[in-house]
Every structure is written in C-alpha cells, then in structure tokens.
Amino acid sequence: MKKFDRFLIRQYLGPLVLTFFIAIFVLLLQFLWKYMDDLVGKGLGFVIVAKFIMYACWTFVPMALPLAVLLSSLMLFGNLGERYELVALKSSGIPLRRAMLPIAIVNVLVCCLAFYFSNNMVPEAYLKYRVLYYEIRTKKPTVNIIPGEYYTQIEGYTIRISGKKDGGNTLENVQIYDHTERKGNTRVTMARTGKMHVTDDEKYLIFDLYDGNTYGENLDERSRQRRENPRDYSPVNPFTRVSFKQQQIVLDISSFQMQQIDKSFYEKHEKSMPASALLMQMDTAKQYESKRIQELVANYNGRNYYLTSYFSNDSLNEVLFVGDSSSLPPISKSLLSSSEAAAQTMISDVSYFGTNVTYLKSRYASYAVEWHRKYAFSFACIVLFLLGAPLGAIIRKGGLGMPMVVAILLFIFYYIISVIGEKSALEGSISSFWGVWISPIIFLPFGVFLTLQATVDADFLQEFGS
C-alpha cells in the first residue's frame, strides 16, 4: 500500500466514524421521541435505560452505515476538490478512479461488516430490545401522590393528602380509603401527619401515620343480624372508630415492578432471526401453504362429488330450471336440503382455508422481505459510495455543510423508495425481491454513470461543477 493510499484512507475513516455516530444519534433521537412516554415516570434505573438504548443502537447500525458511507464519501472528495487536490492528482498522472480504489476497497469491507451486523448482531439485539421493552411497558409509573388529588394507581386503595413539607418527607392530612373487600368505602384511615417510604425490594409501600383515626363498618355483624332475625330485621350499620397515636399501613406495590417474559415469545419474529433461520421459515411457510391448498382441493372434490350426485336426480334438475320445489317428492326435498348444506359447508371451507393461506402468504412475505433486506442494506454501502464519491468531486465542497444536505436528501429518497417497495411486497403487490431491491436497482445506474464520468471524462465534471 502506497503512502497516497494510506493518506486517503486516513482522510476517509475520520469522517466515516464521525458521520456514523451522527447518524446513530439522529436515529436514537427519533427512537426516544417515539418511546419517551414508556420510559418517563417509571423510576427506571440507569442500567435499564442504558441497556434499552444500547440494544436500540445496535439495531440502527445497518441503516446508519450506508448513510455514513454516503456522507463521508461526499465530504472526502468534496474536500479534495475544494482544495484543488483532485486537479493536482490529475496533473501528476493519477486519475480519479485510482483515488477511488482504496476507498472502494474500504467500503467493500464496510459492506461485509454491515452484513455481519445485520445477520448476527441485530437479531440478538432486537430480541433483547423487544423483551426489555415489554418489561418496561408492564411496569407501572412510580408512586407519585400529588397534594389535593386522589391517587388510585394502587389496586384496592385510594389515597389523598393535602400537602407535603420537609422536602416531601412529611405528609399532611393523610386519607387512605381501603377497597380491598370490594364492598365500597367501608374502611378509611385519616391521620394528621405521616411519612411514606418504599422497601428496599420495591415491593411494598409503607405509611407511618401519626395522630389519626380509623373508621369502618362491620358488614359481617349486619349480615349475622339478618340471618338470625330475617323477619324482624331492621337495617343497622355497626360503626367502629379506632384512634391511634401511631400506626403503620403496608401496601403491596409488587405490580409496579417489571413483569418478566420468556424471550422465546419473540424468537419467531423475522427481525430476531439470521438469514439461515429466515430461509427455513420461508420454506416452512411455503410447505404449509401448499398443504393447505391441497387440503382445500381435496375437500372441494369431495363436496363436489356429493353435489354432483344430488343434482343428477331429474327432479332436482327440474327445480334448478323451474325454481318450484313444492311439487318435489319427499326424497327429492331431502336431497335438495342435503345439497344446500353441502354447498354451505364448501363455502365455509373456502373461507377458512383462504384465510389460513392468506396468513401464511403474509408470513412468507415478512420473512422474505427481511432476508432480502439484510443483503440490500449491506449492498447499499457500495451503491451510495458510487453516488457520493463522484458527487463530492462535482460539488467541490467539504465539511458538514453542503455535503450533509445533499447526502440527507439522497438518503431520504433512497429510504422512501425502500419503504414503499417493502410495504408493497408485504401487501403482495410485488415480489419480495423487487420490493427490497428496488432502491439499489434505481440508484445503481446513476452511481455507475457518475463514476464513469468521473473516471473517464473529467472535463464533464468541471463543467457540471462550475
């Protein structure tokens, strides 16, 4: 490797790493904006949030690498053109294609790295991300009792306080309504002051109450009086009041913790599988689809045989043309009823098997789209390099200004076409191959054309850039 090649690679790797992390950061901001409501207010620890963000960032790598390649290629060759280094290379006998060669080799390695991440790292990260996201969603918000409002998040209890002081450690005028017996407001505890804290295992909420009373109705006593004197019973509500100087109430808040889930629940998701597993699932879906169609044909042939037998009767044929079944003998009426039932059964079979086959087709499309996507997003690194390098030489602007604008616009068009194609493939409008590869197929000719012009006809670039 010559010094010139090492120089270009060093100049390229810096922007590549920088733009890669910029792309990850932008995608992460969009991700956090979408899932912010599920993260805020639940008292999640730093480790849980960090793991959730890390798993999400791993899934962004296949998308961030092509954008980083496009932007860094634009920046590199834009800087070379802006500093007239491309002109110096041409005057010294080094064509642009020779300058692109080491960067092209690096991007082939980046393409292989992108496929490795997409096939090995992303499925595992996506599986852990989905499991952790479910656990976070099942976790209730942390206990946050606001003065003057009734707090009902703890099942079986309603809590109200009038104020907080001493930095929120002391509660004033505490009211705790106990509904655990599901018989209405039969028990309430009121205290002048109190303190609240959660146990170390976060399973229980403890109230230490001072100077208060506990009020309640003895419904069991009222039921006993009704049983003993059913005739002379008059409604009496036994009422109790217990005063206390200090009392402790323990509330169960174990439901506020994250609920564990078996990760096998998400293992069959297409994004949680490598390419080899996706091929197996595609083959399985095809086999089930063929089996269902064969079963439908077999059921149809059987029903059709009976219908043919029924309608071979001359009287039934007469009904078909005349439309009057009143003159039919009893046995012909029975045949007509049986044929109608057989026809209805055939319609039900077609509906059932049709729904099943449609579902299997959708699953096959999902697996096929994901399988093609692993290769298409990796190949996008090469396609976007063929666009970015000659465009950088045309624009002749370095830095993060004009190159970033051009790169983002190109990538937006590329991504929009990809999304439209994948949606169409999932809906069955087009094949999975065309749905995923439509963007590389559209952009590759433009990249090849610009690259050929940059390597063969430098005058064209100079006139176009000026």
Protein backbone atom coordinates (compact mmCIF):
# COMPACT_ATOMS: atom_id res chain seq x y z
CA MET A 1 0.00 0.00 0.00
CA LYS A 2 1.40 3.37 -1.02
CA LYS A 3 1.55 6.46 1.16
CA PHE A 4 -1.06 8.01 -1.09
CA ASP A 5 -3.50 5.18 -0.33
CA ARG A 6 -2.85 5.38 3.41
CA PHE A 7 -3.38 9.13 3.28
CA LEU A 8 -6.77 8.78 1.55
CA ILE A 9 -7.89 6.02 3.92
CA ARG A 10 -6.99 8.13 6.96
CA GLN A 11 -8.82 11.07 5.46
CA TYR A 12 -11.85 8.85 4.85
CA LEU A 13 -12.05 6.90 8.12
CA GLY A 14 -12.30 10.03 10.27
CA PRO A 15 -15.47 11.39 8.56
CA LEU A 16 -16.83 7.83 8.29
CA VAL A 17 -16.68 7.28 12.05
CA LEU A 18 -17.95 10.80 12.76
CA THR A 19 -20.92 10.58 10.38
CA PHE A 20 -21.72 7.08 11.61
CA PHE A 21 -22.16 8.26 15.18
CA ILE A 22 -24.07 11.32 13.96
CA ALA A 23 -26.47 9.02 12.10
CA ILE A 24 -26.82 6.78 15.17
CA PHE A 25 -27.52 9.85 17.30
CA VAL A 26 -30.19 11.17 14.93
CA LEU A 27 -31.89 7.77 14.74
CA LEU A 28 -31.69 7.49 18.52
CA LEU A 29 -33.39 10.86 18.97
CA GLN A 30 -36.23 9.74 16.74
CA PHE A 31 -36.44 6.48 18.69
CA LEU A 32 -36.52 8.19 22.09
CA TRP A 33 -39.16 10.64 20.90
CA LYS A 34 -41.35 7.70 19.92
CA TYR A 35 -40.90 5.75 23.16
CA MET A 36 -40.49 8.61 25.62
CA ASP A 37 -43.92 8.07 27.20
CA ASP A 38 -43.00 4.47 28.03
CA LEU A 39 -39.76 5.49 29.77
CA VAL A 40 -40.63 8.62 31.73
CA GLY A 41 -42.10 8.49 35.22
CA LYS A 42 -41.49 4.80 35.96
CA GLY A 43 -38.41 5.12 38.13
CA LEU A 44 -36.24 3.07 35.78
CA GLY A 45 -32.65 2.69 36.85
CA PHE A 46 -29.75 3.96 34.81
CA VAL A 47 -28.65 0.42 33.92
CA ILE A 48 -32.05 -0.50 32.47
CA VAL A 49 -32.29 2.68 30.39
CA ALA A 50 -28.69 2.28 29.19
CA LYS A 51 -29.33 -1.33 28.13
CA PHE A 52 -32.53 -0.31 26.34
CA ILE A 53 -30.71 2.44 24.41
CA MET A 54 -27.74 0.18 23.65
CA TYR A 55 -29.94 -2.57 22.18
CA ALA A 56 -31.77 0.02 20.09
CA CYS A 57 -28.49 1.49 18.80
CA TRP A 58 -27.32 -1.95 17.67
CA THR A 59 -30.44 -2.26 15.53
CA PHE A 60 -29.66 1.12 13.90
CA VAL A 61 -26.25 0.02 12.56
CA PRO A 62 -27.43 -1.45 9.22
CA MET A 63 -29.24 1.80 8.42
CA ALA A 64 -26.59 4.16 9.77
CA LEU A 65 -23.67 2.63 7.85
CA PRO A 66 -24.98 3.39 4.32
CA LEU A 67 -25.76 6.98 5.33
CA ALA A 68 -22.30 7.33 6.87
CA VAL A 69 -20.67 5.97 3.70
CA LEU A 70 -22.59 8.41 1.51
CA LEU A 71 -21.84 11.41 3.68
CA SER A 72 -18.17 10.60 4.30
CA SER A 73 -17.59 9.96 0.57
CA LEU A 74 -19.10 13.32 -0.25
CA MET A 75 -17.01 15.01 2.41
CA LEU A 76 -13.73 13.36 1.37
CA PHE A 77 -13.92 14.05 -2.34
CA GLY A 78 -15.57 17.39 -1.71
CA ASN A 79 -12.56 18.39 0.41
CA LEU A 80 -10.17 17.12 -2.27
CA GLY A 81 -11.98 19.15 -4.90
CA GLU A 82 -12.27 22.26 -2.73
CA ARG A 83 -8.53 22.26 -2.01
CA TYR A 84 -7.73 21.56 -5.71
CA GLU A 85 -6.08 18.30 -4.73
CA LEU A 86 -8.04 16.48 -7.43
CA VAL A 87 -6.51 18.83 -10.00
CA ALA A 88 -3.07 18.13 -8.56
CA LEU A 89 -3.70 14.39 -8.77
CA LYS A 90 -4.77 14.67 -12.39
CA SER A 91 -1.75 16.79 -13.31
CA SER A 92 0.57 14.26 -11.68
CA GLY A 93 -0.97 11.45 -13.75
CA ILE A 94 -3.20 9.91 -11.07
CA PRO A 95 -6.79 9.63 -12.35
CA LEU A 96 -9.78 9.90 -10.08
CA ARG A 97 -10.54 6.17 -10.41
CA ARG A 98 -7.13 5.47 -8.85
CA ALA A 99 -8.02 7.75 -5.92
CA MET A 100 -11.36 5.97 -5.52
CA LEU A 101 -9.81 2.49 -5.48
CA PRO A 102 -8.60 2.34 -1.84
CA ILE A 103 -11.83 3.92 -0.62
CA ALA A 104 -13.81 1.38 -2.67
CA ILE A 105 -11.89 -1.46 -1.01
CA VAL A 106 -12.63 0.01 2.41
CA ASN A 107 -16.32 0.24 1.52
CA VAL A 108 -16.38 -3.40 0.43
CA LEU A 109 -15.13 -4.24 3.92
CA VAL A 110 -17.77 -1.91 5.37
CA CYS A 111 -20.38 -3.74 3.28
CA CYS A 112 -19.24 -7.08 4.74
CA LEU A 113 -19.27 -5.56 8.23
CA ALA A 114 -22.80 -4.25 7.69
CA PHE A 115 -24.00 -7.71 6.65
CA TYR A 116 -22.30 -9.28 9.68
CA PHE A 117 -24.08 -6.85 12.00
CA SER A 118 -27.40 -7.32 10.21
CA ASN A 119 -27.17 -11.10 10.25
CA ASN A 120 -25.59 -11.79 13.64
CA MET A 121 -25.70 -8.82 15.99
CA VAL A 122 -29.00 -7.17 15.07
CA PRO A 123 -31.26 -10.25 15.58
CA GLU A 124 -29.87 -10.83 19.07
CA ALA A 125 -30.05 -7.13 19.94
CA TYR A 126 -33.60 -6.85 18.58
CA LEU A 127 -34.69 -9.87 20.62
CA LYS A 128 -33.28 -8.40 23.83
CA TYR A 129 -34.70 -4.98 22.97
CA ARG A 130 -38.23 -6.34 22.46
CA VAL A 131 -38.11 -8.38 25.69
CA LEU A 132 -36.85 -5.42 27.68
CA TYR A 133 -39.39 -3.09 26.06
CA TYR A 134 -42.22 -5.42 27.09
CA GLU A 135 -40.94 -5.49 30.65
CA ILE A 136 -40.71 -1.69 30.72
CA ARG A 137 -44.22 -1.31 29.35
CA THR A 138 -45.66 -3.60 32.02
CA LYS A 139 -44.02 -1.57 34.77
CA LYS A 140 -46.41 0.95 36.29
CA PRO A 141 -45.35 4.54 36.97
CA THR A 142 -43.67 5.15 40.32
CA VAL A 143 -45.83 6.20 43.23
CA ASN A 144 -46.30 9.94 42.88
CA ILE A 145 -49.03 11.24 45.19
CA ILE A 146 -49.86 14.86 44.37
CA PRO A 147 -51.39 17.03 47.12
CA GLY A 148 -55.08 17.73 46.64
CA GLU A 149 -55.61 14.85 44.17
CA TYR A 150 -56.93 11.34 44.68
CA TYR A 151 -54.33 8.69 43.84
CA THR A 152 -55.87 5.42 42.58
CA GLN A 153 -52.94 3.60 40.93
CA ILE A 154 -52.57 1.11 43.79
CA GLU A 155 -55.24 -1.55 43.35
CA GLY A 156 -57.77 -1.60 46.18
CA TYR A 157 -56.80 1.76 47.68
CA THR A 158 -57.47 5.45 47.16
CA ILE A 159 -55.05 7.91 48.76
CA ARG A 160 -55.30 11.65 49.26
CA ILE A 161 -53.04 14.14 51.03
CA SER A 162 -53.44 17.87 51.50
CA GLY A 163 -49.77 18.79 51.38
CA LYS A 164 -46.10 17.93 51.73
CA LYS A 165 -43.34 19.57 53.70
CA ASP A 166 -39.72 18.99 54.72
CA GLY A 167 -38.80 18.30 51.11
CA GLY A 168 -41.67 15.87 50.60
CA ASN A 169 -40.73 13.62 53.52
CA THR A 170 -43.67 14.62 55.71
CA LEU A 171 -47.29 14.29 54.56
CA GLU A 172 -50.17 16.34 55.91
CA ASN A 173 -53.80 15.26 56.38
CA VAL A 174 -53.42 11.75 55.00
CA GLN A 175 -56.56 9.85 53.91
CA ILE A 176 -56.35 6.17 52.89
CA TYR A 177 -59.55 4.50 51.63
CA ASP A 178 -59.48 0.70 51.74
CA HIS A 179 -61.50 -1.01 48.95
CA THR A 180 -59.80 -4.39 49.11
CA GLU A 181 -63.01 -6.14 50.23
CA ARG A 182 -64.81 -4.69 47.19
CA LYS A 183 -67.78 -3.58 49.28
CA GLY A 184 -67.47 0.17 48.85
CA ASN A 185 -65.98 2.75 51.22
CA THR A 186 -66.28 0.57 54.31
CA ARG A 187 -62.90 1.46 55.84
CA VAL A 188 -60.92 4.71 55.85
CA THR A 189 -57.89 5.85 57.81
CA MET A 190 -57.24 9.54 58.44
CA ALA A 191 -54.12 10.95 60.05
CA ARG A 192 -52.89 14.45 60.77
CA THR A 193 -49.35 13.72 59.57
CA GLY A 194 -47.42 10.81 58.15
CA LYS A 195 -44.37 9.60 56.29
CA MET A 196 -44.09 7.37 53.26
CA HIS A 197 -41.25 5.15 52.02
CA VAL A 198 -40.73 2.10 49.81
CA THR A 199 -38.97 -1.07 50.95
CA ASP A 200 -35.57 -1.95 49.52
CA ASP A 201 -37.01 -4.64 47.26
CA GLU A 202 -39.62 -2.09 45.98
CA LYS A 203 -42.48 -4.50 46.67
CA TYR A 204 -44.21 -2.62 49.48
CA LEU A 205 -45.19 0.99 50.20
CA ILE A 206 -45.18 1.79 53.92
CA PHE A 207 -47.10 4.65 55.55
CA ASP A 208 -46.13 5.69 59.09
CA LEU A 209 -49.18 7.66 60.30
CA TYR A 210 -49.48 9.84 63.41
CA ASP A 211 -52.48 11.25 65.36
CA GLY A 212 -55.43 9.82 63.49
CA ASN A 213 -58.48 7.58 63.41
CA THR A 214 -59.59 4.50 61.50
CA TYR A 215 -63.30 4.36 60.63
CA GLY A 216 -65.15 1.29 59.41
CA GLU A 217 -68.45 -0.52 59.03
CA ASN A 218 -68.84 -4.05 60.39
CA LEU A 219 -70.71 -5.63 57.49
CA ASP A 220 -70.25 -9.13 58.90
CA GLU A 221 -72.22 -8.15 62.03
CA ARG A 222 -75.03 -6.74 59.91
CA SER A 223 -75.17 -9.98 57.89
CA ARG A 224 -75.30 -12.02 61.10
CA GLN A 225 -78.26 -9.99 62.42
CA ARG A 226 -80.10 -10.51 59.14
CA ARG A 227 -79.59 -14.28 59.30
CA GLU A 228 -80.74 -14.54 62.96
CA ASN A 229 -83.82 -12.29 62.62
CA PRO A 230 -84.93 -12.40 58.98
CA ARG A 231 -88.45 -11.16 59.82
CA ASP A 232 -87.77 -8.53 62.49
CA TYR A 233 -84.52 -7.37 60.88
CA SER A 234 -84.11 -3.63 60.70
CA PRO A 235 -81.08 -2.20 58.87
CA VAL A 236 -78.43 -1.37 61.43
CA ASN A 237 -74.94 -0.33 60.38
CA PRO A 238 -72.46 -1.20 63.10
CA PHE A 239 -69.79 1.53 63.00
CA THR A 240 -66.33 1.44 64.56
CA ARG A 241 -63.74 4.10 65.22
CA VAL A 242 -60.23 3.40 66.43
CA SER A 243 -57.96 6.27 67.47
CA PHE A 244 -54.21 5.94 67.33
CA LYS A 245 -51.10 7.94 68.08
CA GLN A 246 -49.01 5.96 65.61
CA GLN A 247 -49.99 3.37 63.03
CA GLN A 248 -48.23 1.68 60.13
CA ILE A 249 -50.01 0.66 56.92
CA VAL A 250 -48.27 -1.59 54.38
CA LEU A 251 -49.50 -1.58 50.78
CA ASP A 252 -48.47 -4.15 48.17
CA ILE A 253 -46.98 -2.49 45.08
CA SER A 254 -45.32 -5.56 43.55
CA SER A 255 -47.40 -4.99 40.40
CA PHE A 256 -45.37 -1.80 39.84
CA GLN A 257 -42.31 -3.92 39.07
CA MET A 258 -41.41 -5.07 35.58
CA GLN A 259 -43.06 -8.32 34.55
CA GLN A 260 -40.66 -10.95 33.21
CA ILE A 261 -41.38 -12.57 29.84
CA ASP A 262 -39.88 -15.58 28.11
CA LYS A 263 -37.75 -14.38 25.19
CA SER A 264 -38.96 -17.32 23.09
CA PHE A 265 -42.14 -15.27 22.63
CA TYR A 266 -40.21 -13.02 20.20
CA GLU A 267 -37.82 -15.60 18.73
CA LYS A 268 -40.14 -16.26 15.78
CA HIS A 269 -40.22 -12.60 14.78
CA GLU A 270 -38.50 -12.07 11.45
CA LYS A 271 -36.18 -9.39 12.80
CA SER A 272 -34.94 -11.76 15.51
CA MET A 273 -33.61 -14.31 13.00
CA PRO A 274 -30.42 -14.60 10.97
CA ALA A 275 -30.55 -15.27 7.23
CA SER A 276 -30.31 -19.06 7.60
CA ALA A 277 -33.26 -19.19 10.02
CA LEU A 278 -35.29 -16.93 7.72
CA LEU A 279 -34.74 -19.33 4.83
CA MET A 280 -36.00 -22.19 6.98
CA GLN A 281 -39.09 -20.23 7.99
CA MET A 282 -39.75 -19.28 4.36
CA ASP A 283 -39.55 -22.94 3.36
CA THR A 284 -41.85 -23.95 6.23
CA ALA A 285 -44.41 -21.30 5.31
CA LYS A 286 -44.37 -22.47 1.68
CA GLN A 287 -44.88 -26.09 2.72
CA TYR A 288 -47.79 -25.21 4.99
CA GLU A 289 -49.32 -23.10 2.24
CA SER A 290 -49.09 -25.96 -0.28
CA LYS A 291 -50.52 -28.37 2.28
CA ARG A 292 -53.48 -26.11 2.98
CA ILE A 293 -54.21 -25.69 -0.72
CA GLN A 294 -54.09 -29.47 -1.21
CA GLU A 295 -56.49 -29.95 1.70
CA LEU A 296 -58.84 -27.37 0.21
CA VAL A 297 -58.77 -29.09 -3.19
CA ALA A 298 -59.43 -32.46 -1.55
CA ASN A 299 -62.38 -31.07 0.42
CA TYR A 300 -63.71 -29.35 -2.69
CA ASN A 301 -63.52 -32.53 -4.76
CA GLY A 302 -65.34 -34.46 -2.04
CA ARG A 303 -68.11 -31.90 -1.68
CA ASN A 304 -68.38 -31.55 -5.44
CA TYR A 305 -68.86 -35.33 -5.76
CA TYR A 306 -71.82 -35.27 -3.40
CA LEU A 307 -73.29 -32.21 -5.08
CA THR A 308 -73.00 -33.93 -8.46
CA SER A 309 -74.77 -36.98 -7.05
CA TYR A 310 -77.54 -34.83 -5.65
CA PHE A 311 -78.11 -32.87 -8.85
CA SER A 312 -78.11 -35.98 -11.05
CA ASN A 313 -81.68 -36.51 -9.83
CA ASP A 314 -84.14 -35.47 -12.59
CA SER A 315 -86.50 -33.80 -10.13
CA LEU A 316 -83.68 -31.66 -8.73
CA ASN A 317 -82.66 -30.63 -12.23
CA GLU A 318 -86.23 -29.57 -12.85
CA VAL A 319 -86.12 -27.38 -9.74
CA LEU A 320 -82.94 -25.74 -10.99
CA PHE A 321 -84.69 -24.60 -14.19
CA VAL A 322 -88.27 -24.12 -12.96
CA GLY A 323 -87.49 -22.83 -9.46
CA ASP A 324 -90.50 -24.56 -7.87
CA SER A 325 -89.77 -27.16 -5.18
CA SER A 326 -93.38 -27.60 -3.97
CA SER A 327 -94.05 -30.50 -6.37
CA LEU A 328 -90.93 -32.46 -5.36
CA PRO A 329 -91.36 -35.81 -3.63
CA PRO A 330 -90.07 -36.03 -0.03
CA ILE A 331 -86.87 -37.82 -1.00
CA SER A 332 -86.02 -35.13 -3.58
CA LYS A 333 -86.65 -32.41 -0.99
CA SER A 334 -84.27 -34.21 1.34
CA LEU A 335 -81.64 -34.33 -1.40
CA LEU A 336 -82.10 -30.63 -2.07
CA SER A 337 -81.65 -29.82 1.62
CA SER A 338 -78.56 -32.01 1.79
CA SER A 339 -77.07 -30.39 -1.29
CA GLU A 340 -77.67 -26.95 0.17
CA ALA A 341 -75.92 -27.96 3.38
CA ALA A 342 -73.02 -29.38 1.38
CA ALA A 343 -72.73 -26.14 -0.59
CA GLN A 344 -72.71 -24.05 2.59
CA THR A 345 -70.03 -26.31 4.04
CA MET A 346 -67.96 -25.83 0.89
CA ILE A 347 -68.27 -22.06 1.21
CA SER A 348 -67.13 -22.26 4.86
CA ASP A 349 -64.17 -24.43 3.87
CA VAL A 350 -63.12 -21.99 1.17
CA SER A 351 -63.35 -19.08 3.62
CA TYR A 352 -61.39 -20.91 6.33
CA PHE A 353 -58.64 -22.20 4.09
CA GLY A 354 -58.48 -18.89 2.25
CA THR A 355 -57.88 -17.00 5.49
CA ASN A 356 -55.22 -19.51 6.52
CA VAL A 357 -53.44 -19.34 3.17
CA THR A 358 -53.52 -15.54 3.22
CA TYR A 359 -51.89 -15.53 6.65
CA LEU A 360 -49.19 -17.97 5.50
CA LYS A 361 -48.51 -15.80 2.44
CA SER A 362 -48.11 -12.73 4.66
CA ARG A 363 -45.70 -14.58 6.95
CA TYR A 364 -43.69 -15.78 3.96
CA ALA A 365 -43.57 -12.21 2.63
CA SER A 366 -42.36 -10.91 6.01
CA TYR A 367 -39.57 -13.49 6.20
CA ALA A 368 -38.58 -12.95 2.56
CA VAL A 369 -38.50 -9.15 2.89
CA GLU A 370 -36.30 -9.36 5.97
CA TRP A 371 -33.99 -11.87 4.26
CA HIS A 372 -33.53 -9.61 1.24
CA ARG A 373 -33.16 -6.56 3.45
CA LYS A 374 -30.08 -7.99 5.16
CA TYR A 375 -28.30 -8.09 1.80
CA ALA A 376 -29.85 -4.95 0.31
CA PHE A 377 -28.85 -2.62 3.15
CA SER A 378 -25.32 -4.02 3.05
CA PHE A 379 -25.08 -3.58 -0.71
CA ALA A 380 -26.36 -0.03 -0.24
CA CYS A 381 -22.92 0.88 1.16
CA ILE A 382 -21.41 0.26 -2.29
CA VAL A 383 -24.25 1.90 -4.21
CA LEU A 384 -24.18 5.07 -2.12
CA PHE A 385 -20.38 5.22 -2.33
CA LEU A 386 -20.65 5.20 -6.14
CA LEU A 387 -23.01 8.16 -5.76
CA GLY A 388 -21.15 10.04 -3.05
CA ALA A 389 -17.60 9.96 -4.45
CA PRO A 390 -18.30 11.50 -7.88
CA LEU A 391 -20.85 13.92 -6.42
CA GLY A 392 -18.23 15.12 -3.96
CA ALA A 393 -15.88 15.77 -6.87
CA ILE A 394 -18.66 17.69 -8.64
CA ILE A 395 -19.78 19.79 -5.68
CA ARG A 396 -16.21 20.53 -4.51
CA LYS A 397 -17.40 21.44 -1.02
CA GLY A 398 -16.12 19.80 2.12
CA GLY A 399 -17.18 19.88 5.76
CA LEU A 400 -20.66 19.20 7.11
CA GLY A 401 -22.49 21.89 5.15
CA MET A 402 -23.44 21.23 1.54
CA PRO A 403 -22.33 17.56 1.61
CA MET A 404 -24.65 16.82 4.52
CA VAL A 405 -27.60 18.47 2.79
CA VAL A 406 -27.01 16.53 -0.43
CA ALA A 407 -26.38 13.26 1.43
CA ILE A 408 -29.51 13.57 3.54
CA LEU A 409 -31.67 14.37 0.51
CA LEU A 410 -30.29 11.40 -1.44
CA PHE A 411 -30.70 9.06 1.51
CA ILE A 412 -34.25 10.27 2.13
CA PHE A 413 -35.17 9.46 -1.48
CA TYR A 414 -33.41 6.11 -1.16
CA TYR A 415 -35.18 5.28 2.09
CA ILE A 416 -38.63 6.40 0.88
CA ILE A 417 -38.37 4.20 -2.20
CA SER A 418 -37.23 1.30 0.01
CA VAL A 419 -40.17 1.74 2.40
CA ILE A 420 -42.68 1.95 -0.45
CA GLY A 421 -41.22 -1.17 -2.05
CA GLU A 422 -41.22 -3.14 1.21
CA LYS A 423 -44.80 -2.14 2.00
CA SER A 424 -45.87 -3.25 -1.46
CA ALA A 425 -44.04 -6.55 -1.03
CA LEU A 426 -45.67 -7.18 2.36
CA GLU A 427 -49.07 -6.46 0.84
CA GLY A 428 -48.37 -8.88 -2.00
CA SER A 429 -48.50 -6.25 -4.76
CA ILE A 430 -44.97 -7.07 -5.95
CA SER A 431 -42.45 -9.81 -5.20
CA SER A 432 -40.20 -9.60 -2.17
CA PHE A 433 -37.12 -9.28 -4.37
CA TRP A 434 -38.35 -6.22 -6.25
CA GLY A 435 -39.84 -4.69 -3.12
CA VAL A 436 -36.50 -4.66 -1.29
CA TRP A 437 -34.04 -4.25 -4.16
CA ILE A 438 -35.92 -1.51 -6.00
CA SER A 439 -33.85 1.27 -4.39
CA PRO A 440 -30.42 -0.24 -5.24
CA ILE A 441 -31.65 -1.05 -8.75
CA ILE A 442 -32.78 2.54 -9.29
CA PHE A 443 -29.75 4.26 -7.76
CA LEU A 444 -27.04 1.91 -9.04
CA PRO A 445 -27.20 3.10 -12.70
CA PHE A 446 -26.86 6.73 -11.56
CA GLY A 447 -23.87 5.82 -9.42
CA VAL A 448 -22.22 3.90 -12.23
CA PHE A 449 -22.86 6.74 -14.67
CA LEU A 450 -21.41 9.38 -12.36
CA THR A 451 -18.45 7.17 -11.53
CA LEU A 452 -17.69 6.55 -15.21
CA GLN A 453 -17.89 10.24 -15.95
CA ALA A 454 -15.63 10.99 -13.01
CA THR A 455 -13.03 8.45 -14.07
CA VAL A 456 -13.18 8.96 -17.85
CA ASP A 457 -14.40 12.46 -18.58
CA ALA A 458 -13.02 14.90 -16.04
CA ASP A 459 -13.98 17.85 -18.22
CA PHE A 460 -17.61 16.90 -17.77
CA LEU A 461 -17.20 17.17 -14.01
CA GLN A 462 -15.50 20.52 -14.24
CA GLU A 463 -18.22 21.98 -16.46
CA PHE A 464 -21.01 20.49 -14.32
CA GLY A 465 -19.41 21.63 -11.10
CA SER A 466 -18.91 25.15 -12.37
